[in-house]
Amino acid sequence: MEEKNLIKNIQPKSETVKFLQKYVLNKYTVTIFLFLVWMIFFDKTSFLVIHELNGEINKYEEQLGYYKAEYEKNDAFYKKLMNNKSEKEKYARENYFMKKPNEEIFILVVDSSNIAKK
């Protein structure tokens, strides 16, 4: 008699347990989930690594734009300097303190510590 009562007390599985066993704990679902976790976090070509590398590419592309602009500016200056003798002389005199034969140059140095205090 007790056995019959025990059998009657065993309830059928609830709907959520059936759902978990059928879909969530399915070997294919578990395998796909583990594969996605592996690809997102652990693989050497994971999505996180790819996102980081794309950020570096964007940074380098910005630097490339800056260097192209600097190159064009310097190239224009070089062409102007090479085509104009007075520009060449002016640049040499200002940056390399070159002088004409009968000329003296006075270089004035400003004490930067006094300027900072004011």
PDB file of N, CA and C in Angstrom:
ATOM      1  N   MET A   1       0.819  -1.176   0.000  1.00  0.00           N
ATOM      2  CA  MET A   1       0.000   0.000   0.000  1.00  0.00           C
ATOM      3  C   MET A   1       0.878   1.261   0.000  1.00  0.00           C
ATOM      4  N   GLU A   2       1.945   1.210   0.736  1.00  0.00           N
ATOM      5  CA  GLU A   2       2.834   2.340   0.793  1.00  0.00           C
ATOM      6  C   GLU A   2       3.472   2.602  -0.562  1.00  0.00           C
ATOM      7  N   GLU A   3       3.775   1.598  -1.304  1.00  0.00           N
ATOM      8  CA  GLU A   3       4.365   1.762  -2.623  1.00  0.00           C
ATOM      9  C   GLU A   3       3.429   2.508  -3.546  1.00  0.00           C
ATOM     10  N   LYS A   4       2.149   2.203  -3.465  1.00  0.00           N
ATOM     11  CA  LYS A   4       1.163   2.884  -4.306  1.00  0.00           C
ATOM     12  C   LYS A   4       1.107   4.366  -3.950  1.00  0.00           C
ATOM     13  N   ASN A   5       1.183   4.683  -2.670  1.00  0.00           N
ATOM     14  CA  ASN A   5       1.164   6.073  -2.234  1.00  0.00           C
ATOM     15  C   ASN A   5       2.416   6.803  -2.713  1.00  0.00           C
ATOM     16  N   LEU A   6       3.554   6.137  -2.664  1.00  0.00           N
ATOM     17  CA  LEU A   6       4.784   6.759  -3.145  1.00  0.00           C
ATOM     18  C   LEU A   6       4.691   7.060  -4.629  1.00  0.00           C
ATOM     19  N   ILE A   7       4.158   6.148  -5.385  1.00  0.00           N
ATOM     20  CA  ILE A   7       4.023   6.358  -6.824  1.00  0.00           C
ATOM     21  C   ILE A   7       3.058   7.496  -7.103  1.00  0.00           C
ATOM     22  N   LYS A   8       2.001   7.589  -6.351  1.00  0.00           N
ATOM     23  CA  LYS A   8       1.047   8.672  -6.548  1.00  0.00           C
ATOM     24  C   LYS A   8       1.645  10.020  -6.152  1.00  0.00           C
ATOM     25  N   ASN A   9       2.542  10.033  -5.149  1.00  0.00           N
ATOM     26  CA  ASN A   9       3.146  11.279  -4.690  1.00  0.00           C
ATOM     27  C   ASN A   9       4.184  11.822  -5.674  1.00  0.00           C
ATOM     28  N   ILE A  10       4.711  10.971  -6.527  1.00  0.00           N
ATOM     29  CA  ILE A  10       5.666  11.441  -7.524  1.00  0.00           C
ATOM     30  C   ILE A  10       4.897  12.228  -8.572  1.00  0.00           C
ATOM     31  N   GLN A  11       5.232  13.468  -8.673  1.00  0.00           N
ATOM     32  CA  GLN A  11       4.510  14.323  -9.614  1.00  0.00           C
ATOM     33  C   GLN A  11       5.223  14.310 -10.953  1.00  0.00           C
ATOM     34  N   PRO A  12       4.482  14.529 -12.003  1.00  0.00           N
ATOM     35  CA  PRO A  12       5.146  14.625 -13.295  1.00  0.00           C
ATOM     36  C   PRO A  12       6.035  15.877 -13.313  1.00  0.00           C
ATOM     37  N   LYS A  13       7.018  15.869 -14.179  1.00  0.00           N
ATOM     38  CA  LYS A  13       7.953  16.992 -14.255  1.00  0.00           C
ATOM     39  C   LYS A  13       7.206  18.265 -14.618  1.00  0.00           C
ATOM     40  N   SER A  14       7.659  19.347 -14.029  1.00  0.00           N
ATOM     41  CA  SER A  14       7.011  20.620 -14.326  1.00  0.00           C
ATOM     42  C   SER A  14       7.362  21.069 -15.747  1.00  0.00           C
ATOM     43  N   GLU A  15       6.664  22.033 -16.221  1.00  0.00           N
ATOM     44  CA  GLU A  15       6.856  22.522 -17.591  1.00  0.00           C
ATOM     45  C   GLU A  15       8.241  23.143 -17.778  1.00  0.00           C
ATOM     46  N   THR A  16       8.722  23.853 -16.776  1.00  0.00           N
ATOM     47  CA  THR A  16      10.041  24.482 -16.914  1.00  0.00           C
ATOM     48  C   THR A  16      11.148  23.445 -16.965  1.00  0.00           C
ATOM     49  N   VAL A  17      11.021  22.401 -16.178  1.00  0.00           N
ATOM     50  CA  VAL A  17      12.040  21.347 -16.195  1.00  0.00           C
ATOM     51  C   VAL A  17      12.038  20.659 -17.550  1.00  0.00           C
ATOM     52  N   LYS A  18      10.857  20.418 -18.094  1.00  0.00           N
ATOM     53  CA  LYS A  18      10.765  19.810 -19.429  1.00  0.00           C
ATOM     54  C   LYS A  18      11.401  20.711 -20.480  1.00  0.00           C
ATOM     55  N   PHE A  19      11.129  22.005 -20.375  1.00  0.00           N
ATOM     56  CA  PHE A  19      11.698  22.969 -21.325  1.00  0.00           C
ATOM     57  C   PHE A  19      13.223  22.979 -21.224  1.00  0.00           C
ATOM     58  N   LEU A  20      13.728  22.982 -19.972  1.00  0.00           N
ATOM     59  CA  LEU A  20      15.174  22.991 -19.778  1.00  0.00           C
ATOM     60  C   LEU A  20      15.818  21.740 -20.355  1.00  0.00           C
ATOM     61  N   GLN A  21      15.233  20.618 -20.113  1.00  0.00           N
ATOM     62  CA  GLN A  21      15.799  19.375 -20.619  1.00  0.00           C
ATOM     63  C   GLN A  21      15.721  19.294 -22.134  1.00  0.00           C
ATOM     64  N   LYS A  22      14.636  19.806 -22.691  1.00  0.00           N
ATOM     65  CA  LYS A  22      14.440  19.655 -24.134  1.00  0.00           C
ATOM     66  C   LYS A  22      15.274  20.647 -24.936  1.00  0.00           C
ATOM     67  N   TYR A  23      15.352  21.898 -24.504  1.00  0.00           N
ATOM     68  CA  TYR A  23      15.992  22.923 -25.319  1.00  0.00           C
ATOM     69  C   TYR A  23      17.309  23.452 -24.740  1.00  0.00           C
ATOM     70  N   VAL A  24      17.314  23.836 -23.506  1.00  0.00           N
ATOM     71  CA  VAL A  24      18.476  24.514 -22.935  1.00  0.00           C
ATOM     72  C   VAL A  24      19.608  23.524 -22.650  1.00  0.00           C
ATOM     73  N   LEU A  25      19.321  22.395 -22.120  1.00  0.00           N
ATOM     74  CA  LEU A  25      20.349  21.415 -21.788  1.00  0.00           C
ATOM     75  C   LEU A  25      20.612  20.451 -22.937  1.00  0.00           C
ATOM     76  N   ASN A  26      20.100  20.777 -24.074  1.00  0.00           N
ATOM     77  CA  ASN A  26      20.341  19.985 -25.277  1.00  0.00           C
ATOM     78  C   ASN A  26      21.829  20.075 -25.614  1.00  0.00           C
ATOM     79  N   LYS A  27      22.438  18.986 -26.070  1.00  0.00           N
ATOM     80  CA  LYS A  27      23.876  18.987 -26.316  1.00  0.00           C
ATOM     81  C   LYS A  27      24.268  19.973 -27.418  1.00  0.00           C
ATOM     82  N   TYR A  28      23.410  20.198 -28.366  1.00  0.00           N
ATOM     83  CA  TYR A  28      23.716  21.155 -29.435  1.00  0.00           C
ATOM     84  C   TYR A  28      23.673  22.591 -28.914  1.00  0.00           C
ATOM     85  N   THR A  29      22.709  22.875 -28.094  1.00  0.00           N
ATOM     86  CA  THR A  29      22.599  24.217 -27.521  1.00  0.00           C
ATOM     87  C   THR A  29      23.806  24.518 -26.631  1.00  0.00           C
ATOM     88  N   VAL A  30      24.175  23.569 -25.816  1.00  0.00           N
ATOM     89  CA  VAL A  30      25.326  23.748 -24.935  1.00  0.00           C
ATOM     90  C   VAL A  30      26.598  23.933 -25.761  1.00  0.00           C
ATOM     91  N   THR A  31      26.746  23.130 -26.813  1.00  0.00           N
ATOM     92  CA  THR A  31      27.926  23.234 -27.672  1.00  0.00           C
ATOM     93  C   THR A  31      27.997  24.597 -28.361  1.00  0.00           C
ATOM     94  N   ILE A  32      26.886  25.061 -28.888  1.00  0.00           N
ATOM     95  CA  ILE A  32      26.852  26.374 -29.551  1.00  0.00           C
ATOM     96  C   ILE A  32      27.166  27.481 -28.548  1.00  0.00           C
ATOM     97  N   PHE A  33      26.604  27.388 -27.359  1.00  0.00           N
ATOM     98  CA  PHE A  33      26.859  28.395 -26.330  1.00  0.00           C
ATOM     99  C   PHE A  33      28.340  28.428 -25.956  1.00  0.00           C
ATOM    100  N   LEU A  34      28.936  27.262 -25.732  1.00  0.00           N
ATOM    101  CA  LEU A  34      30.357  27.210 -25.391  1.00  0.00           C
ATOM    102  C   LEU A  34      31.229  27.731 -26.537  1.00  0.00           C
ATOM    103  N   PHE A  35      30.848  27.430 -27.765  1.00  0.00           N
ATOM    104  CA  PHE A  35      31.585  27.938 -28.918  1.00  0.00           C
ATOM    105  C   PHE A  35      31.539  29.466 -28.974  1.00  0.00           C
ATOM    106  N   LEU A  36      30.361  30.038 -28.759  1.00  0.00           N
ATOM    107  CA  LEU A  36      30.228  31.501 -28.783  1.00  0.00           C
ATOM    108  C   LEU A  36      31.034  32.154 -27.660  1.00  0.00           C
ATOM    109  N   VAL A  37      30.986  31.570 -26.483  1.00  0.00           N
ATOM    110  CA  VAL A  37      31.766  32.115 -25.364  1.00  0.00           C
ATOM    111  C   VAL A  37      33.248  32.053 -25.700  1.00  0.00           C
ATOM    112  N   TRP A  38      33.677  30.936 -26.257  1.00  0.00           N
ATOM    113  CA  TRP A  38      35.086  30.797 -26.643  1.00  0.00           C
ATOM    114  C   TRP A  38      35.471  31.850 -27.680  1.00  0.00           C
ATOM    115  N   MET A  39      34.665  32.040 -28.699  1.00  0.00           N
ATOM    116  CA  MET A  39      34.979  32.987 -29.777  1.00  0.00           C
ATOM    117  C   MET A  39      34.964  34.432 -29.294  1.00  0.00           C
ATOM    118  N   ILE A  40      34.102  34.749 -28.360  1.00  0.00           N
ATOM    119  CA  ILE A  40      34.000  36.136 -27.896  1.00  0.00           C
ATOM    120  C   ILE A  40      35.137  36.487 -26.929  1.00  0.00           C
ATOM    121  N   PHE A  41      35.506  35.562 -26.042  1.00  0.00           N
ATOM    122  CA  PHE A  41      36.422  35.923 -24.966  1.00  0.00           C
ATOM    123  C   PHE A  41      37.814  35.298 -25.045  1.00  0.00           C
ATOM    124  N   PHE A  42      37.958  34.074 -25.513  1.00  0.00           N
ATOM    125  CA  PHE A  42      39.210  33.355 -25.316  1.00  0.00           C
ATOM    126  C   PHE A  42      40.060  33.167 -26.562  1.00  0.00           C
ATOM    127  N   ASP A  43      39.497  33.146 -27.724  1.00  0.00           N
ATOM    128  CA  ASP A  43      40.252  32.874 -28.941  1.00  0.00           C
ATOM    129  C   ASP A  43      41.207  34.024 -29.236  1.00  0.00           C
ATOM    130  N   LYS A  44      42.336  33.734 -29.918  1.00  0.00           N
ATOM    131  CA  LYS A  44      43.291  34.812 -30.200  1.00  0.00           C
ATOM    132  C   LYS A  44      42.752  35.773 -31.253  1.00  0.00           C
ATOM    133  N   THR A  45      41.733  35.388 -31.982  1.00  0.00           N
ATOM    134  CA  THR A  45      41.059  36.303 -32.917  1.00  0.00           C
ATOM    135  C   THR A  45      39.636  36.561 -32.434  1.00  0.00           C
ATOM    136  N   SER A  46      39.485  36.741 -31.127  1.00  0.00           N
ATOM    137  CA  SER A  46      38.162  36.959 -30.547  1.00  0.00           C
ATOM    138  C   SER A  46      37.616  38.321 -30.952  1.00  0.00           C
ATOM    139  N   PHE A  47      36.351  38.503 -30.713  1.00  0.00           N
ATOM    140  CA  PHE A  47      35.713  39.770 -31.062  1.00  0.00           C
ATOM    141  C   PHE A  47      36.305  40.926 -30.269  1.00  0.00           C
ATOM    142  N   LEU A  48      36.701  40.662 -29.039  1.00  0.00           N
ATOM    143  CA  LEU A  48      37.301  41.722 -28.233  1.00  0.00           C
ATOM    144  C   LEU A  48      38.647  42.160 -28.809  1.00  0.00           C
ATOM    145  N   VAL A  49      39.455  41.204 -29.248  1.00  0.00           N
ATOM    146  CA  VAL A  49      40.753  41.527 -29.844  1.00  0.00           C
ATOM    147  C   VAL A  49      40.545  42.276 -31.154  1.00  0.00           C
ATOM    148  N   ILE A  50      39.599  41.827 -31.950  1.00  0.00           N
ATOM    149  CA  ILE A  50      39.313  42.489 -33.224  1.00  0.00           C
ATOM    150  C   ILE A  50      38.849  43.917 -32.988  1.00  0.00           C
ATOM    151  N   HIS A  51      38.018  44.137 -31.984  1.00  0.00           N
ATOM    152  CA  HIS A  51      37.550  45.492 -31.664  1.00  0.00           C
ATOM    153  C   HIS A  51      38.723  46.376 -31.248  1.00  0.00           C
ATOM    154  N   GLU A  52      39.623  45.838 -30.458  1.00  0.00           N
ATOM    155  CA  GLU A  52      40.801  46.601 -30.027  1.00  0.00           C
ATOM    156  C   GLU A  52      41.693  46.940 -31.225  1.00  0.00           C
ATOM    157  N   LEU A  53      41.885  45.979 -32.114  1.00  0.00           N
ATOM    158  CA  LEU A  53      42.716  46.229 -33.295  1.00  0.00           C
ATOM    159  C   LEU A  53      42.073  47.251 -34.231  1.00  0.00           C
ATOM    160  N   ASN A  54      40.750  47.224 -34.349  1.00  0.00           N
ATOM    161  CA  ASN A  54      40.067  48.234 -35.167  1.00  0.00           C
ATOM    162  C   ASN A  54      40.256  49.626 -34.577  1.00  0.00           C
ATOM    163  N   GLY A  55      40.273  49.726 -33.255  1.00  0.00           N
ATOM    164  CA  GLY A  55      40.551  51.012 -32.608  1.00  0.00           C
ATOM    165  C   GLY A  55      41.949  51.513 -32.938  1.00  0.00           C
ATOM    166  N   GLU A  56      42.924  50.612 -32.938  1.00  0.00           N
ATOM    167  CA  GLU A  56      44.292  51.001 -33.296  1.00  0.00           C
ATOM    168  C   GLU A  56      44.371  51.430 -34.754  1.00  0.00           C
ATOM    169  N   ILE A  57      43.661  50.729 -35.628  1.00  0.00           N
ATOM    170  CA  ILE A  57      43.655  51.095 -37.051  1.00  0.00           C
ATOM    171  C   ILE A  57      43.097  52.502 -37.218  1.00  0.00           C
ATOM    172  N   ASN A  58      42.000  52.810 -36.527  1.00  0.00           N
ATOM    173  CA  ASN A  58      41.420  54.155 -36.616  1.00  0.00           C
ATOM    174  C   ASN A  58      42.397  55.213 -36.125  1.00  0.00           C
ATOM    175  N   LYS A  59      43.116  54.902 -35.045  1.00  0.00           N
ATOM    176  CA  LYS A  59      44.104  55.854 -34.509  1.00  0.00           C
ATOM    177  C   LYS A  59      45.206  56.104 -35.535  1.00  0.00           C
ATOM    178  N   TYR A  60      45.688  55.033 -36.167  1.00  0.00           N
ATOM    179  CA  TYR A  60      46.749  55.178 -37.157  1.00  0.00           C
ATOM    180  C   TYR A  60      46.267  55.881 -38.420  1.00  0.00           C
ATOM    181  N   GLU A  61      45.009  55.704 -38.780  1.00  0.00           N
ATOM    182  CA  GLU A  61      44.474  56.425 -39.933  1.00  0.00           C
ATOM    183  C   GLU A  61      44.397  57.920 -39.653  1.00  0.00           C
ATOM    184  N   GLU A  62      44.050  58.290 -38.417  1.00  0.00           N
ATOM    185  CA  GLU A  62      44.049  59.704 -38.049  1.00  0.00           C
ATOM    186  C   GLU A  62      45.472  60.273 -38.111  1.00  0.00           C
ATOM    187  N   GLN A  63      46.445  59.508 -37.620  1.00  0.00           N
ATOM    188  CA  GLN A  63      47.831  59.956 -37.680  1.00  0.00           C
ATOM    189  C   GLN A  63      48.288  60.090 -39.125  1.00  0.00           C
ATOM    190  N   LEU A  64      47.847  59.186 -39.979  1.00  0.00           N
ATOM    191  CA  LEU A  64      48.207  59.243 -41.390  1.00  0.00           C
ATOM    192  C   LEU A  64      47.689  60.538 -42.022  1.00  0.00           C
ATOM    193  N   GLY A  65      46.467  60.916 -41.695  1.00  0.00           N
ATOM    194  CA  GLY A  65      45.927  62.174 -42.197  1.00  0.00           C
ATOM    195  C   GLY A  65      46.748  63.365 -41.727  1.00  0.00           C
ATOM    196  N   TYR A  66      47.146  63.348 -40.455  1.00  0.00           N
ATOM    197  CA  TYR A  66      47.960  64.432 -39.917  1.00  0.00           C
ATOM    198  C   TYR A  66      49.297  64.515 -40.651  1.00  0.00           C
ATOM    199  N   TYR A  67      49.952  63.369 -40.837  1.00  0.00           N
ATOM    200  CA  TYR A  67      51.262  63.373 -41.487  1.00  0.00           C
ATOM    201  C   TYR A  67      51.168  63.743 -42.961  1.00  0.00           C
ATOM    202  N   LYS A  68      50.074  63.385 -43.618  1.00  0.00           N
ATOM    203  CA  LYS A  68      49.893  63.806 -45.013  1.00  0.00           C
ATOM    204  C   LYS A  68      49.760  65.328 -45.106  1.00  0.00           C
ATOM    205  N   ALA A  69      48.998  65.899 -44.178  1.00  0.00           N
ATOM    206  CA  ALA A  69      48.837  67.357 -44.167  1.00  0.00           C
ATOM    207  C   ALA A  69      50.175  68.035 -43.882  1.00  0.00           C
ATOM    208  N   GLU A  70      50.948  67.517 -42.933  1.00  0.00           N
ATOM    209  CA  GLU A  70      52.261  68.076 -42.639  1.00  0.00           C
ATOM    210  C   GLU A  70      53.195  67.950 -43.837  1.00  0.00           C
ATOM    211  N   TYR A  71      53.137  66.816 -44.514  1.00  0.00           N
ATOM    212  CA  TYR A  71      53.981  66.612 -45.688  1.00  0.00           C
ATOM    213  C   TYR A  71      53.634  67.626 -46.774  1.00  0.00           C
ATOM    214  N   GLU A  72      52.359  67.832 -47.025  1.00  0.00           N
ATOM    215  CA  GLU A  72      51.955  68.795 -48.059  1.00  0.00           C
ATOM    216  C   GLU A  72      52.392  70.202 -47.691  1.00  0.00           C
ATOM    217  N   LYS A  73      52.274  70.555 -46.403  1.00  0.00           N
ATOM    218  CA  LYS A  73      52.693  71.884 -45.960  1.00  0.00           C
ATOM    219  C   LYS A  73      54.198  72.050 -46.144  1.00  0.00           C
ATOM    220  N   ASN A  74      54.976  71.051 -45.742  1.00  0.00           N
ATOM    221  CA  ASN A  74      56.433  71.132 -45.873  1.00  0.00           C
ATOM    222  C   ASN A  74      56.877  71.090 -47.330  1.00  0.00           C
ATOM    223  N   ASP A  75      56.169  70.325 -48.142  1.00  0.00           N
ATOM    224  CA  ASP A  75      56.498  70.257 -49.563  1.00  0.00           C
ATOM    225  C   ASP A  75      56.265  71.608 -50.242  1.00  0.00           C
ATOM    226  N   ALA A  76      55.154  72.268 -49.897  1.00  0.00           N
ATOM    227  CA  ALA A  76      54.884  73.595 -50.458  1.00  0.00           C
ATOM    228  C   ALA A  76      55.953  74.590 -50.011  1.00  0.00           C
ATOM    229  N   PHE A  77      56.351  74.518 -48.727  1.00  0.00           N
ATOM    230  CA  PHE A  77      57.390  75.408 -48.222  1.00  0.00           C
ATOM    231  C   PHE A  77      58.709  75.144 -48.938  1.00  0.00           C
ATOM    232  N   TYR A  78      59.053  73.872 -49.145  1.00  0.00           N
ATOM    233  CA  TYR A  78      60.299  73.512 -49.827  1.00  0.00           C
ATOM    234  C   TYR A  78      60.310  74.041 -51.259  1.00  0.00           C
ATOM    235  N   LYS A  79      59.203  73.888 -51.957  1.00  0.00           N
ATOM    236  CA  LYS A  79      59.141  74.378 -53.337  1.00  0.00           C
ATOM    237  C   LYS A  79      59.276  75.893 -53.379  1.00  0.00           C
ATOM    238  N   LYS A  80      58.610  76.576 -52.427  1.00  0.00           N
ATOM    239  CA  LYS A  80      58.712  78.030 -52.361  1.00  0.00           C
ATOM    240  C   LYS A  80      60.145  78.442 -52.057  1.00  0.00           C
ATOM    241  N   LEU A  81      60.808  77.717 -51.170  1.00  0.00           N
ATOM    242  CA  LEU A  81      62.173  78.037 -50.773  1.00  0.00           C
ATOM    243  C   LEU A  81      63.156  77.802 -51.910  1.00  0.00           C
ATOM    244  N   MET A  82      62.989  76.739 -52.647  1.00  0.00           N
ATOM    245  CA  MET A  82      63.921  76.408 -53.715  1.00  0.00           C
ATOM    246  C   MET A  82      63.734  77.282 -54.962  1.00  0.00           C
ATOM    247  N   ASN A  83      62.565  77.830 -55.146  1.00  0.00           N
ATOM    248  CA  ASN A  83      62.293  78.630 -56.350  1.00  0.00           C
ATOM    249  C   ASN A  83      62.543  80.124 -56.154  1.00  0.00           C
ATOM    250  N   ASN A  84      62.741  80.567 -54.942  1.00  0.00           N
ATOM    251  CA  ASN A  84      62.863  81.992 -54.675  1.00  0.00           C
ATOM    252  C   ASN A  84      64.137  82.233 -53.860  1.00  0.00           C
ATOM    253  N   LYS A  85      65.102  82.948 -54.474  1.00  0.00           N
ATOM    254  CA  LYS A  85      66.387  83.179 -53.821  1.00  0.00           C
ATOM    255  C   LYS A  85      66.239  84.049 -52.574  1.00  0.00           C
ATOM    256  N   SER A  86      65.365  85.041 -52.621  1.00  0.00           N
ATOM    257  CA  SER A  86      65.205  85.907 -51.444  1.00  0.00           C
ATOM    258  C   SER A  86      64.578  85.135 -50.275  1.00  0.00           C
ATOM    259  N   GLU A  87      63.688  84.194 -50.553  1.00  0.00           N
ATOM    260  CA  GLU A  87      63.111  83.358 -49.492  1.00  0.00           C
ATOM    261  C   GLU A  87      64.176  82.468 -48.861  1.00  0.00           C
ATOM    262  N   LYS A  88      65.047  81.938 -49.717  1.00  0.00           N
ATOM    263  CA  LYS A  88      66.126  81.074 -49.232  1.00  0.00           C
ATOM    264  C   LYS A  88      67.057  81.869 -48.321  1.00  0.00           C
ATOM    265  N   GLU A  89      67.389  83.079 -48.739  1.00  0.00           N
ATOM    266  CA  GLU A  89      68.265  83.923 -47.932  1.00  0.00           C
ATOM    267  C   GLU A  89      67.598  84.297 -46.611  1.00  0.00           C
ATOM    268  N   LYS A  90      66.343  84.651 -46.669  1.00  0.00           N
ATOM    269  CA  LYS A  90      65.606  85.018 -45.459  1.00  0.00           C
ATOM    270  C   LYS A  90      65.567  83.839 -44.471  1.00  0.00           C
ATOM    271  N   TYR A  91      65.299  82.643 -44.970  1.00  0.00           N
ATOM    272  CA  TYR A  91      65.236  81.449 -44.114  1.00  0.00           C
ATOM    273  C   TYR A  91      66.607  81.169 -43.481  1.00  0.00           C
ATOM    274  N   ALA A  92      67.667  81.266 -44.277  1.00  0.00           N
ATOM    275  CA  ALA A  92      69.015  81.010 -43.756  1.00  0.00           C
ATOM    276  C   ALA A  92      69.398  82.038 -42.702  1.00  0.00           C
ATOM    277  N   ARG A  93      69.043  83.275 -42.930  1.00  0.00           N
ATOM    278  CA  ARG A  93      69.403  84.330 -41.982  1.00  0.00           C
ATOM    279  C   ARG A  93      68.625  84.174 -40.672  1.00  0.00           C
ATOM    280  N   GLU A  94      67.355  83.796 -40.758  1.00  0.00           N
ATOM    281  CA  GLU A  94      66.539  83.686 -39.546  1.00  0.00           C
ATOM    282  C   GLU A  94      66.844  82.429 -38.734  1.00  0.00           C
ATOM    283  N   ASN A  95      67.071  81.331 -39.406  1.00  0.00           N
ATOM    284  CA  ASN A  95      67.202  80.059 -38.684  1.00  0.00           C
ATOM    285  C   ASN A  95      68.642  79.628 -38.433  1.00  0.00           C
ATOM    286  N   TYR A  96      69.559  80.032 -39.292  1.00  0.00           N
ATOM    287  CA  TYR A  96      70.945  79.593 -39.132  1.00  0.00           C
ATOM    288  C   TYR A  96      71.886  80.763 -38.836  1.00  0.00           C
ATOM    289  N   PHE A  97      71.338  81.945 -38.621  1.00  0.00           N
ATOM    290  CA  PHE A  97      72.081  83.146 -38.263  1.00  0.00           C
ATOM    291  C   PHE A  97      73.218  83.435 -39.251  1.00  0.00           C
ATOM    292  N   MET A  98      72.978  83.193 -40.520  1.00  0.00           N
ATOM    293  CA  MET A  98      73.970  83.521 -41.543  1.00  0.00           C
ATOM    294  C   MET A  98      73.923  85.017 -41.795  1.00  0.00           C
ATOM    295  N   LYS A  99      75.026  85.547 -42.277  1.00  0.00           N
ATOM    296  CA  LYS A  99      75.103  86.996 -42.453  1.00  0.00           C
ATOM    297  C   LYS A  99      75.812  87.336 -43.755  1.00  0.00           C
ATOM    298  N   LYS A 100      75.629  88.561 -44.143  1.00  0.00           N
ATOM    299  CA  LYS A 100      76.331  89.072 -45.322  1.00  0.00           C
ATOM    300  C   LYS A 100      77.747  89.448 -44.904  1.00  0.00           C
ATOM    301  N   PRO A 101      78.650  89.605 -45.868  1.00  0.00           N
ATOM    302  CA  PRO A 101      80.067  89.832 -45.513  1.00  0.00           C
ATOM    303  C   PRO A 101      80.325  91.018 -44.586  1.00  0.00           C
ATOM    304  N   ASN A 102      79.719  92.138 -44.765  1.00  0.00           N
ATOM    305  CA  ASN A 102      80.026  93.320 -43.943  1.00  0.00           C
ATOM    306  C   ASN A 102      78.911  93.583 -42.933  1.00  0.00           C
ATOM    307  N   GLU A 103      78.429  92.553 -42.286  1.00  0.00           N
ATOM    308  CA  GLU A 103      77.268  92.693 -41.422  1.00  0.00           C
ATOM    309  C   GLU A 103      77.551  92.027 -40.081  1.00  0.00           C
ATOM    310  N   GLU A 104      76.977  92.585 -39.037  1.00  0.00           N
ATOM    311  CA  GLU A 104      77.081  91.967 -37.722  1.00  0.00           C
ATOM    312  C   GLU A 104      75.693  91.574 -37.258  1.00  0.00           C
ATOM    313  N   ILE A 105      75.621  90.460 -36.531  1.00  0.00           N
ATOM    314  CA  ILE A 105      74.337  89.968 -36.040  1.00  0.00           C
ATOM    315  C   ILE A 105      74.371  89.993 -34.515  1.00  0.00           C
ATOM    316  N   PHE A 106      73.324  90.524 -33.950  1.00  0.00           N
ATOM    317  CA  PHE A 106      73.171  90.540 -32.499  1.00  0.00           C
ATOM    318  C   PHE A 106      71.995  89.621 -32.155  1.00  0.00           C
ATOM    319  N   ILE A 107      72.255  88.650 -31.291  1.00  0.00           N
ATOM    320  CA  ILE A 107      71.210  87.720 -30.876  1.00  0.00           C
ATOM    321  C   ILE A 107      70.803  88.100 -29.461  1.00  0.00           C
ATOM    322  N   LEU A 108      69.533  88.418 -29.308  1.00  0.00           N
ATOM    323  CA  LEU A 108      69.012  88.808 -28.009  1.00  0.00           C
ATOM    324  C   LEU A 108      68.349  87.593 -27.361  1.00  0.00           C
ATOM    325  N   VAL A 109      68.767  87.284 -26.143  1.00  0.00           N
ATOM    326  CA  VAL A 109      68.211  86.150 -25.415  1.00  0.00           C
ATOM    327  C   VAL A 109      67.378  86.702 -24.279  1.00  0.00           C
ATOM    328  N   VAL A 110      66.161  86.234 -24.183  1.00  0.00           N
ATOM    329  CA  VAL A 110      65.253  86.684 -23.137  1.00  0.00           C
ATOM    330  C   VAL A 110      65.271  85.668 -22.011  1.00  0.00           C
ATOM    331  N   ASP A 111      65.384  86.170 -20.786  1.00  0.00           N
ATOM    332  CA  ASP A 111      65.384  85.288 -19.627  1.00  0.00           C
ATOM    333  C   ASP A 111      63.946  84.845 -19.364  1.00  0.00           C
ATOM    334  N   SER A 112      63.678  83.571 -19.561  1.00  0.00           N
ATOM    335  CA  SER A 112      62.301  83.075 -19.448  1.00  0.00           C
ATOM    336  C   SER A 112      61.842  82.977 -17.993  1.00  0.00           C
ATOM    337  N   SER A 113      62.732  82.943 -17.037  1.00  0.00           N
ATOM    338  CA  SER A 113      62.314  82.853 -15.623  1.00  0.00           C
ATOM    339  C   SER A 113      61.642  84.152 -15.168  1.00  0.00           C
ATOM    340  N   ASN A 114      62.082  85.297 -15.684  1.00  0.00           N
ATOM    341  CA  ASN A 114      61.448  86.557 -15.337  1.00  0.00           C
ATOM    342  C   ASN A 114      60.065  86.673 -15.967  1.00  0.00           C
ATOM    343  N   ILE A 115      59.907  86.150 -17.143  1.00  0.00           N
ATOM    344  CA  ILE A 115      58.611  86.207 -17.826  1.00  0.00           C
ATOM    345  C   ILE A 115      57.594  85.346 -17.099  1.00  0.00           C
ATOM    346  N   ALA A 116      58.003  84.189 -16.631  1.00  0.00           N
ATOM    347  CA  ALA A 116      57.090  83.276 -15.942  1.00  0.00           C
ATOM    348  C   ALA A 116      56.610  83.864 -14.621  1.00  0.00           C
ATOM    349  N   LYS A 117      57.442  84.645 -13.936  1.00  0.00           N
ATOM    350  CA  LYS A 117      57.053  85.221 -12.660  1.00  0.00           C
ATOM    351  C   LYS A 117      56.024  86.322 -12.823  1.00  0.00           C
ATOM    352  N   LYS A 118      56.099  87.040 -13.912  1.00  0.00           N
ATOM    353  CA  LYS A 118      55.169  88.148 -14.139  1.00  0.00           C
ATOM    354  C   LYS A 118      53.856  87.577 -14.535  1.00  0.00           C
TER     355      LYS A 118
END
